[in-house]
Amino acid sequence: MASAPQEWTRIIGVDPGLNITGYGVIERCGNDVKLLEAGVIRLPPSRGENLPARLEALFQELRQVMKEFDPQAMCLEEVYSHADYPRTAILMGHARGVICLAARLAGIPVVSFSAKRVKQSVTGNGNASKLQVQRAVQHYFSLNQTPHPPDVADALAAALCYVNAMRFAGNARRAAQR
């Protein structure tokens, strides 16, 4: 008996930032994964009280990417907070909130992973450097050079972490059925 054809799942990974937000759109069908597009959203520089305008720009640009590619899932790293830089975590929370709102309004479920889990998933080392993540993503997609800036590689790594989690879940389901 022939099995039903598998459908492609489109996933967008996003690396939130208030200066540069990286994104990567991939498709998965079974064990096949292909890169559709990756890039950055560059926001206007911080000037006084223009945070709301910068967040609006992030929202609008991301909505355009989501409209163009129509992903079925969005993957983000959880906000990392360092005790010496609490303001950074708060600002990143603003960006992440806008990104989650854009996904919600588009009906796209959001999946979050810790930075350690993303790094572990793509490099095998939860403490991997940015360069190691860039090289792992380069290797996975057979790119001629490392994704640049690193925000692009981080976004693609988040999407790949989702793919790997789905593979693991599928393997676990099949093992349980035996």
N, C-alpha and C. Protein backbone atom coordinates (compact mmCIF):
# COMPACT_ATOMS: atom_id res chain seq x y z
N MET A 1 0.85 -1.17 0.00
CA MET A 1 0.00 0.00 0.00
C MET A 1 0.90 1.24 0.00
N ALA A 2 0.69 2.16 -0.92
CA ALA A 2 1.49 3.37 -1.04
C ALA A 2 1.07 4.36 0.04
N SER A 3 2.05 5.03 0.59
CA SER A 3 1.74 6.03 1.61
C SER A 3 1.36 7.34 0.92
N ALA A 4 0.58 8.15 1.62
CA ALA A 4 0.14 9.43 1.08
C ALA A 4 1.34 10.34 0.91
N PRO A 5 1.33 11.18 -0.14
CA PRO A 5 2.46 12.10 -0.32
C PRO A 5 2.55 13.07 0.84
N GLN A 6 3.79 13.37 1.23
CA GLN A 6 4.00 14.30 2.33
C GLN A 6 3.90 15.73 1.82
N GLU A 7 3.45 16.62 2.68
CA GLU A 7 3.34 18.02 2.31
C GLU A 7 4.53 18.79 2.87
N TRP A 8 4.87 19.86 2.16
CA TRP A 8 5.93 20.75 2.61
C TRP A 8 5.42 21.62 3.75
N THR A 9 6.24 21.82 4.75
CA THR A 9 5.94 22.74 5.84
C THR A 9 6.92 23.90 5.75
N ARG A 10 6.40 25.09 5.72
CA ARG A 10 7.24 26.29 5.61
C ARG A 10 7.42 26.89 7.01
N ILE A 11 8.66 27.16 7.36
CA ILE A 11 9.01 27.64 8.70
C ILE A 11 9.84 28.91 8.57
N ILE A 12 9.53 29.91 9.40
CA ILE A 12 10.35 31.11 9.46
C ILE A 12 11.03 31.16 10.81
N GLY A 13 12.32 31.31 10.78
CA GLY A 13 13.09 31.53 12.00
C GLY A 13 13.41 33.00 12.09
N VAL A 14 13.34 33.56 13.29
CA VAL A 14 13.59 34.99 13.47
C VAL A 14 14.55 35.18 14.64
N ASP A 15 15.57 36.01 14.41
CA ASP A 15 16.49 36.40 15.47
C ASP A 15 16.20 37.87 15.79
N PRO A 16 15.43 38.13 16.88
CA PRO A 16 14.97 39.48 17.16
C PRO A 16 16.10 40.46 17.49
N GLY A 17 15.94 41.68 17.02
CA GLY A 17 16.87 42.74 17.34
C GLY A 17 16.23 44.08 17.07
N LEU A 18 16.73 45.12 17.71
CA LEU A 18 16.20 46.45 17.48
C LEU A 18 17.03 47.23 16.46
N ASN A 19 18.18 46.71 16.10
CA ASN A 19 18.96 47.31 15.02
C ASN A 19 18.84 46.43 13.77
N ILE A 20 19.12 45.15 13.97
CA ILE A 20 19.05 44.18 12.89
C ILE A 20 18.27 42.97 13.39
N THR A 21 17.25 42.58 12.66
CA THR A 21 16.50 41.36 12.94
C THR A 21 16.77 40.40 11.78
N GLY A 22 17.34 39.25 12.11
CA GLY A 22 17.59 38.25 11.09
C GLY A 22 16.38 37.37 10.89
N TYR A 23 16.20 36.89 9.66
CA TYR A 23 15.13 35.94 9.40
C TYR A 23 15.60 34.92 8.37
N GLY A 24 15.01 33.76 8.43
CA GLY A 24 15.30 32.71 7.46
C GLY A 24 14.05 31.89 7.24
N VAL A 25 13.73 31.64 5.98
CA VAL A 25 12.55 30.87 5.63
C VAL A 25 13.01 29.57 4.99
N ILE A 26 12.55 28.46 5.56
CA ILE A 26 12.91 27.14 5.03
C ILE A 26 11.64 26.33 4.81
N GLU A 27 11.78 25.26 4.01
CA GLU A 27 10.69 24.32 3.81
C GLU A 27 11.18 22.93 4.16
N ARG A 28 10.28 22.15 4.76
CA ARG A 28 10.60 20.77 5.14
C ARG A 28 9.55 19.84 4.59
N CYS A 29 10.01 18.74 4.03
CA CYS A 29 9.13 17.65 3.61
C CYS A 29 9.88 16.37 3.94
N GLY A 30 9.39 15.64 4.93
CA GLY A 30 10.11 14.45 5.37
C GLY A 30 11.49 14.84 5.87
N ASN A 31 12.53 14.24 5.29
CA ASN A 31 13.90 14.58 5.68
C ASN A 31 14.51 15.67 4.80
N ASP A 32 13.78 16.11 3.80
CA ASP A 32 14.28 17.16 2.91
C ASP A 32 14.00 18.53 3.49
N VAL A 33 15.02 19.37 3.51
CA VAL A 33 14.87 20.74 3.97
C VAL A 33 15.56 21.63 2.96
N LYS A 34 14.85 22.68 2.53
CA LYS A 34 15.48 23.60 1.60
C LYS A 34 15.31 25.04 2.08
N LEU A 35 16.32 25.81 1.79
CA LEU A 35 16.36 27.22 2.14
C LEU A 35 15.65 28.02 1.05
N LEU A 36 14.65 28.82 1.44
CA LEU A 36 13.93 29.65 0.47
C LEU A 36 14.50 31.06 0.43
N GLU A 37 14.69 31.65 1.60
CA GLU A 37 15.23 33.00 1.67
C GLU A 37 15.75 33.26 3.07
N ALA A 38 16.75 34.10 3.13
CA ALA A 38 17.28 34.55 4.42
C ALA A 38 17.76 35.98 4.25
N GLY A 39 17.61 36.76 5.29
CA GLY A 39 18.03 38.15 5.21
C GLY A 39 17.87 38.85 6.53
N VAL A 40 17.93 40.16 6.47
CA VAL A 40 17.80 40.98 7.68
C VAL A 40 16.81 42.10 7.45
N ILE A 41 16.22 42.51 8.54
CA ILE A 41 15.40 43.71 8.58
C ILE A 41 16.22 44.73 9.36
N ARG A 42 16.61 45.79 8.70
CA ARG A 42 17.41 46.85 9.35
C ARG A 42 16.47 47.97 9.76
N LEU A 43 16.58 48.35 11.02
CA LEU A 43 15.70 49.38 11.57
C LEU A 43 16.44 50.72 11.64
N PRO A 44 15.68 51.80 11.67
CA PRO A 44 16.31 53.12 11.80
C PRO A 44 17.12 53.18 13.09
N PRO A 45 18.19 53.97 13.10
CA PRO A 45 18.99 54.08 14.34
C PRO A 45 18.17 54.66 15.49
N SER A 46 18.58 54.28 16.69
CA SER A 46 17.93 54.79 17.89
C SER A 46 18.23 56.28 18.04
N ARG A 47 17.16 57.06 18.18
CA ARG A 47 17.31 58.51 18.38
C ARG A 47 16.26 58.95 19.38
N GLY A 48 16.70 59.20 20.59
CA GLY A 48 15.77 59.71 21.60
C GLY A 48 14.60 58.78 21.83
N GLU A 49 13.44 59.26 21.51
CA GLU A 49 12.20 58.55 21.81
C GLU A 49 11.57 57.90 20.58
N ASN A 50 12.37 57.37 19.66
CA ASN A 50 11.79 56.79 18.45
C ASN A 50 11.57 55.28 18.55
N LEU A 51 11.61 54.70 19.74
CA LEU A 51 11.39 53.27 19.90
C LEU A 51 10.05 52.83 19.29
N PRO A 52 8.94 53.53 19.54
CA PRO A 52 7.68 53.09 18.92
C PRO A 52 7.75 53.06 17.39
N ALA A 53 8.40 54.04 16.79
CA ALA A 53 8.52 54.06 15.32
C ALA A 53 9.40 52.90 14.84
N ARG A 54 10.44 52.57 15.57
CA ARG A 54 11.32 51.46 15.19
C ARG A 54 10.57 50.13 15.31
N LEU A 55 9.78 49.99 16.37
CA LEU A 55 8.99 48.77 16.54
C LEU A 55 7.94 48.64 15.44
N GLU A 56 7.34 49.75 15.06
CA GLU A 56 6.37 49.73 13.96
C GLU A 56 7.05 49.29 12.66
N ALA A 57 8.26 49.80 12.41
CA ALA A 57 8.99 49.42 11.20
C ALA A 57 9.28 47.92 11.21
N LEU A 58 9.70 47.40 12.36
CA LEU A 58 9.96 45.96 12.49
C LEU A 58 8.68 45.17 12.19
N PHE A 59 7.58 45.59 12.79
CA PHE A 59 6.29 44.93 12.59
C PHE A 59 5.91 44.90 11.11
N GLN A 60 5.99 46.06 10.46
CA GLN A 60 5.57 46.15 9.05
C GLN A 60 6.47 45.31 8.14
N GLU A 61 7.78 45.39 8.35
CA GLU A 61 8.72 44.63 7.50
C GLU A 61 8.52 43.12 7.68
N LEU A 62 8.35 42.69 8.92
CA LEU A 62 8.15 41.26 9.17
C LEU A 62 6.82 40.80 8.59
N ARG A 63 5.80 41.62 8.69
CA ARG A 63 4.50 41.26 8.09
C ARG A 63 4.64 41.04 6.58
N GLN A 64 5.48 41.86 5.94
CA GLN A 64 5.71 41.70 4.49
C GLN A 64 6.36 40.36 4.19
N VAL A 65 7.37 39.99 4.98
CA VAL A 65 8.05 38.71 4.78
C VAL A 65 7.07 37.56 4.99
N MET A 66 6.28 37.65 6.05
CA MET A 66 5.31 36.59 6.32
C MET A 66 4.24 36.51 5.23
N LYS A 67 3.82 37.65 4.72
CA LYS A 67 2.82 37.66 3.65
C LYS A 67 3.40 37.02 2.39
N GLU A 68 4.66 37.31 2.08
CA GLU A 68 5.29 36.76 0.88
C GLU A 68 5.47 35.26 0.96
N PHE A 69 5.87 34.74 2.14
CA PHE A 69 6.23 33.33 2.24
C PHE A 69 5.18 32.45 2.92
N ASP A 70 4.23 33.04 3.61
CA ASP A 70 3.13 32.30 4.24
C ASP A 70 3.60 31.08 5.03
N PRO A 71 4.43 31.29 6.06
CA PRO A 71 4.92 30.15 6.85
C PRO A 71 3.82 29.55 7.72
N GLN A 72 4.01 28.25 8.05
CA GLN A 72 3.07 27.58 8.94
C GLN A 72 3.52 27.63 10.41
N ALA A 73 4.77 28.05 10.64
CA ALA A 73 5.29 28.16 12.00
C ALA A 73 6.38 29.21 12.05
N MET A 74 6.54 29.83 13.20
CA MET A 74 7.62 30.78 13.45
C MET A 74 8.43 30.29 14.64
N CYS A 75 9.74 30.37 14.54
CA CYS A 75 10.63 29.94 15.61
C CYS A 75 11.48 31.11 16.07
N LEU A 76 11.58 31.26 17.37
CA LEU A 76 12.34 32.34 17.99
C LEU A 76 13.19 31.79 19.12
N GLU A 77 14.31 32.45 19.35
CA GLU A 77 15.06 32.17 20.57
C GLU A 77 14.39 32.91 21.71
N GLU A 78 14.41 32.31 22.89
CA GLU A 78 13.92 33.00 24.07
C GLU A 78 14.85 34.16 24.38
N VAL A 79 14.32 35.18 25.06
CA VAL A 79 15.14 36.33 25.42
C VAL A 79 16.17 35.91 26.46
N TYR A 80 17.42 36.26 26.18
CA TYR A 80 18.50 35.98 27.12
C TYR A 80 18.72 37.23 27.94
N SER A 81 18.82 37.06 29.24
CA SER A 81 19.01 38.20 30.14
C SER A 81 20.32 38.05 30.89
N HIS A 82 21.16 39.06 30.79
CA HIS A 82 22.42 39.08 31.52
C HIS A 82 22.28 40.11 32.64
N ALA A 83 22.68 39.74 33.85
CA ALA A 83 22.50 40.61 35.02
C ALA A 83 23.15 41.98 34.85
N ASP A 84 24.23 42.04 34.08
CA ASP A 84 24.92 43.31 33.87
C ASP A 84 24.23 44.21 32.85
N TYR A 85 23.30 43.65 32.08
CA TYR A 85 22.65 44.41 31.01
C TYR A 85 21.13 44.22 31.01
N PRO A 86 20.45 44.58 32.11
CA PRO A 86 19.00 44.35 32.16
C PRO A 86 18.23 45.17 31.12
N ARG A 87 18.72 46.36 30.79
CA ARG A 87 18.03 47.20 29.79
C ARG A 87 17.98 46.51 28.43
N THR A 88 19.05 45.82 28.07
CA THR A 88 19.08 45.12 26.79
C THR A 88 17.98 44.07 26.73
N ALA A 89 17.81 43.31 27.81
CA ALA A 89 16.77 42.28 27.84
C ALA A 89 15.39 42.91 27.71
N ILE A 90 15.18 44.04 28.33
CA ILE A 90 13.89 44.72 28.25
C ILE A 90 13.62 45.18 26.82
N LEU A 91 14.63 45.78 26.20
CA LEU A 91 14.47 46.24 24.82
C LEU A 91 14.25 45.07 23.87
N MET A 92 14.97 43.98 24.08
CA MET A 92 14.78 42.79 23.25
C MET A 92 13.37 42.22 23.45
N GLY A 93 12.87 42.34 24.66
CA GLY A 93 11.50 41.90 24.93
C GLY A 93 10.49 42.68 24.11
N HIS A 94 10.73 43.98 23.92
CA HIS A 94 9.85 44.79 23.07
C HIS A 94 9.85 44.24 21.64
N ALA A 95 11.05 44.01 21.10
CA ALA A 95 11.16 43.51 19.73
C ALA A 95 10.48 42.14 19.61
N ARG A 96 10.75 41.28 20.56
CA ARG A 96 10.18 39.93 20.52
C ARG A 96 8.65 39.98 20.63
N GLY A 97 8.14 40.89 21.45
CA GLY A 97 6.70 41.05 21.58
C GLY A 97 6.04 41.47 20.28
N VAL A 98 6.67 42.41 19.58
CA VAL A 98 6.14 42.85 18.28
C VAL A 98 6.17 41.71 17.27
N ILE A 99 7.24 40.93 17.30
CA ILE A 99 7.36 39.79 16.38
C ILE A 99 6.27 38.76 16.68
N CYS A 100 6.06 38.47 17.95
CA CYS A 100 5.00 37.52 18.33
C CYS A 100 3.62 38.04 17.94
N LEU A 101 3.39 39.34 18.09
CA LEU A 101 2.11 39.93 17.70
C LEU A 101 1.90 39.80 16.20
N ALA A 102 2.93 40.09 15.42
CA ALA A 102 2.81 39.97 13.95
C ALA A 102 2.44 38.54 13.57
N ALA A 103 3.09 37.57 14.20
CA ALA A 103 2.79 36.16 13.91
C ALA A 103 1.36 35.83 14.34
N ARG A 104 0.96 36.27 15.49
CA ARG A 104 -0.39 35.99 15.99
C ARG A 104 -1.46 36.54 15.06
N LEU A 105 -1.26 37.78 14.61
CA LEU A 105 -2.23 38.40 13.71
C LEU A 105 -2.28 37.70 12.36
N ALA A 106 -1.19 37.05 11.98
CA ALA A 106 -1.15 36.30 10.73
C ALA A 106 -1.61 34.85 10.92
N GLY A 107 -1.92 34.48 12.16
CA GLY A 107 -2.38 33.12 12.44
C GLY A 107 -1.25 32.09 12.42
N ILE A 108 -0.04 32.54 12.69
CA ILE A 108 1.13 31.66 12.65
C ILE A 108 1.53 31.31 14.08
N PRO A 109 1.56 30.02 14.42
CA PRO A 109 2.00 29.65 15.77
C PRO A 109 3.48 29.96 15.98
N VAL A 110 3.81 30.37 17.19
CA VAL A 110 5.19 30.71 17.55
C VAL A 110 5.74 29.65 18.49
N VAL A 111 6.93 29.16 18.17
CA VAL A 111 7.63 28.17 18.99
C VAL A 111 8.92 28.81 19.47
N SER A 112 9.17 28.73 20.77
CA SER A 112 10.38 29.32 21.34
C SER A 112 11.34 28.25 21.82
N PHE A 113 12.62 28.50 21.61
CA PHE A 113 13.68 27.62 22.09
C PHE A 113 14.72 28.46 22.80
N SER A 114 15.36 27.86 23.80
CA SER A 114 16.47 28.55 24.45
C SER A 114 17.65 28.60 23.49
N ALA A 115 18.51 29.58 23.69
CA ALA A 115 19.69 29.72 22.83
C ALA A 115 20.55 28.46 22.90
N LYS A 116 20.67 27.87 24.08
CA LYS A 116 21.46 26.65 24.24
C LYS A 116 20.88 25.50 23.41
N ARG A 117 19.55 25.39 23.41
CA ARG A 117 18.93 24.31 22.65
C ARG A 117 19.13 24.51 21.15
N VAL A 118 19.03 25.74 20.68
CA VAL A 118 19.24 26.01 19.26
C VAL A 118 20.67 25.64 18.87
N LYS A 119 21.63 26.10 19.67
CA LYS A 119 23.04 25.80 19.37
C LYS A 119 23.31 24.31 19.42
N GLN A 120 22.76 23.64 20.42
CA GLN A 120 22.93 22.18 20.56
C GLN A 120 22.36 21.46 19.34
N SER A 121 21.22 21.93 18.90
CA SER A 121 20.53 21.29 17.79
C SER A 121 21.32 21.35 16.48
N VAL A 122 21.97 22.49 16.23
CA VAL A 122 22.65 22.64 14.93
C VAL A 122 24.14 22.34 14.97
N THR A 123 24.76 22.45 16.16
CA THR A 123 26.22 22.23 16.24
C THR A 123 26.59 21.04 17.09
N GLY A 124 25.67 20.59 17.95
CA GLY A 124 26.00 19.53 18.91
C GLY A 124 26.60 20.08 20.18
N ASN A 125 26.72 21.42 20.29
CA ASN A 125 27.32 22.05 21.46
C ASN A 125 26.44 23.23 21.87
N GLY A 126 25.84 23.14 23.05
CA GLY A 126 24.97 24.20 23.54
C GLY A 126 25.69 25.49 23.86
N ASN A 127 27.01 25.45 23.89
CA ASN A 127 27.79 26.67 24.15
C ASN A 127 28.57 27.11 22.92
N ALA A 128 28.11 26.72 21.75
CA ALA A 128 28.80 27.05 20.50
C ALA A 128 28.89 28.56 20.30
N SER A 129 29.94 28.98 19.62
CA SER A 129 30.13 30.39 19.29
C SER A 129 29.25 30.77 18.10
N LYS A 130 29.13 32.07 17.87
CA LYS A 130 28.38 32.54 16.70
C LYS A 130 28.99 31.98 15.42
N LEU A 131 30.32 31.96 15.34
CA LEU A 131 30.99 31.45 14.15
C LEU A 131 30.68 29.97 13.93
N GLN A 132 30.63 29.18 15.01
CA GLN A 132 30.30 27.77 14.89
C GLN A 132 28.88 27.58 14.36
N VAL A 133 27.95 28.42 14.83
CA VAL A 133 26.57 28.35 14.34
C VAL A 133 26.54 28.73 12.86
N GLN A 134 27.26 29.80 12.50
CA GLN A 134 27.31 30.21 11.10
C GLN A 134 27.85 29.08 10.21
N ARG A 135 28.91 28.44 10.66
CA ARG A 135 29.50 27.36 9.86
C ARG A 135 28.59 26.15 9.77
N ALA A 136 27.88 25.84 10.86
CA ALA A 136 26.95 24.70 10.83
C ALA A 136 25.82 24.97 9.84
N VAL A 137 25.29 26.18 9.84
CA VAL A 137 24.22 26.54 8.91
C VAL A 137 24.76 26.54 7.48
N GLN A 138 25.96 27.07 7.29
CA GLN A 138 26.59 27.06 5.97
C GLN A 138 26.70 25.63 5.45
N HIS A 139 27.19 24.74 6.30
CA HIS A 139 27.36 23.34 5.91
C HIS A 139 26.01 22.68 5.61
N TYR A 140 25.03 22.90 6.47
CA TYR A 140 23.72 22.25 6.31
C TYR A 140 23.09 22.60 4.97
N PHE A 141 23.17 23.86 4.59
CA PHE A 141 22.54 24.31 3.35
C PHE A 141 23.52 24.36 2.16
N SER A 142 24.74 23.88 2.36
CA SER A 142 25.77 23.87 1.30
C SER A 142 25.95 25.26 0.68
N LEU A 143 26.09 26.25 1.55
CA LEU A 143 26.28 27.63 1.09
C LEU A 143 27.75 27.88 0.77
N ASN A 144 28.02 28.78 -0.15
CA ASN A 144 29.40 29.10 -0.52
C ASN A 144 30.14 29.85 0.58
N GLN A 145 29.40 30.56 1.41
CA GLN A 145 30.02 31.30 2.52
C GLN A 145 29.10 31.28 3.73
N THR A 146 29.65 31.67 4.87
CA THR A 146 28.84 31.69 6.08
C THR A 146 27.78 32.79 5.96
N PRO A 147 26.59 32.53 6.49
CA PRO A 147 25.55 33.57 6.47
C PRO A 147 26.04 34.79 7.26
N HIS A 148 25.82 35.95 6.68
CA HIS A 148 26.27 37.19 7.31
C HIS A 148 25.18 38.24 7.17
N PRO A 149 24.93 39.00 8.21
CA PRO A 149 25.53 38.96 9.53
C PRO A 149 25.08 37.72 10.32
N PRO A 150 25.68 37.50 11.48
CA PRO A 150 25.35 36.31 12.28
C PRO A 150 23.86 36.19 12.62
N ASP A 151 23.13 37.30 12.60
CA ASP A 151 21.69 37.27 12.90
C ASP A 151 20.95 36.37 11.91
N VAL A 152 21.43 36.31 10.67
CA VAL A 152 20.81 35.46 9.65
C VAL A 152 21.02 33.99 10.02
N ALA A 153 22.25 33.64 10.38
CA ALA A 153 22.55 32.26 10.78
C ALA A 153 21.76 31.88 12.03
N ASP A 154 21.63 32.79 12.97
CA ASP A 154 20.86 32.51 14.19
C ASP A 154 19.39 32.25 13.87
N ALA A 155 18.83 33.01 12.94
CA ALA A 155 17.43 32.80 12.54
C ALA A 155 17.27 31.44 11.85
N LEU A 156 18.19 31.12 10.95
CA LEU A 156 18.13 29.81 10.28
C LEU A 156 18.33 28.67 11.27
N ALA A 157 19.20 28.88 12.24
CA ALA A 157 19.43 27.86 13.26
C ALA A 157 18.17 27.62 14.08
N ALA A 158 17.42 28.67 14.39
CA ALA A 158 16.16 28.51 15.13
C ALA A 158 15.17 27.69 14.31
N ALA A 159 15.09 27.97 13.00
CA ALA A 159 14.18 27.20 12.14
C ALA A 159 14.63 25.74 12.05
N LEU A 160 15.94 25.51 11.95
CA LEU A 160 16.45 24.14 11.91
C LEU A 160 16.21 23.41 13.22
N CYS A 161 16.28 24.12 14.33
CA CYS A 161 15.99 23.52 15.63
C CYS A 161 14.55 23.01 15.64
N TYR A 162 13.64 23.75 15.06
CA TYR A 162 12.24 23.32 14.96
C TYR A 162 12.15 22.06 14.11
N VAL A 163 12.84 22.04 12.97
CA VAL A 163 12.83 20.86 12.10
C VAL A 163 13.36 19.65 12.86
N ASN A 164 14.46 19.83 13.57
CA ASN A 164 15.04 18.72 14.33
C ASN A 164 14.10 18.25 15.44
N ALA A 165 13.41 19.18 16.08
CA ALA A 165 12.45 18.82 17.13
C ALA A 165 11.29 18.03 16.52
N MET A 166 10.84 18.42 15.34
CA MET A 166 9.75 17.70 14.67
C MET A 166 10.20 16.30 14.25
N ARG A 167 11.43 16.18 13.79
CA ARG A 167 11.95 14.86 13.43
C ARG A 167 11.99 13.96 14.65
N PHE A 168 12.48 14.51 15.77
CA PHE A 168 12.56 13.74 17.01
C PHE A 168 11.17 13.30 17.45
N ALA A 169 10.21 14.22 17.37
CA ALA A 169 8.83 13.89 17.78
C ALA A 169 8.26 12.80 16.87
N GLY A 170 8.53 12.90 15.57
CA GLY A 170 8.06 11.89 14.63
C GLY A 170 8.69 10.54 14.89
N ASN A 171 9.99 10.52 15.16
CA ASN A 171 10.69 9.27 15.47
C ASN A 171 10.15 8.65 16.76
N ALA A 172 9.87 9.50 17.75
CA ALA A 172 9.34 9.01 19.03
C ALA A 172 7.95 8.41 18.82
N ARG A 173 7.12 9.06 18.00
CA ARG A 173 5.77 8.54 17.71
C ARG A 173 5.86 7.19 17.02
N ARG A 174 6.74 7.10 16.02
CA ARG A 174 6.89 5.81 15.30
C ARG A 174 7.39 4.73 16.22
N ALA A 175 8.31 5.04 17.11
CA ALA A 175 8.85 4.04 18.04
C ALA A 175 7.75 3.57 19.00
N ALA A 176 6.90 4.49 19.42
CA ALA A 176 5.82 4.13 20.35
C ALA A 176 4.76 3.25 19.69
N GLN A 177 4.61 3.36 18.38
CA GLN A 177 3.62 2.58 17.66
C GLN A 177 4.08 1.14 17.42
N ARG A 178 5.36 0.88 17.57
CA ARG A 178 5.89 -0.47 17.31
C ARG A 178 5.57 -1.40 18.41
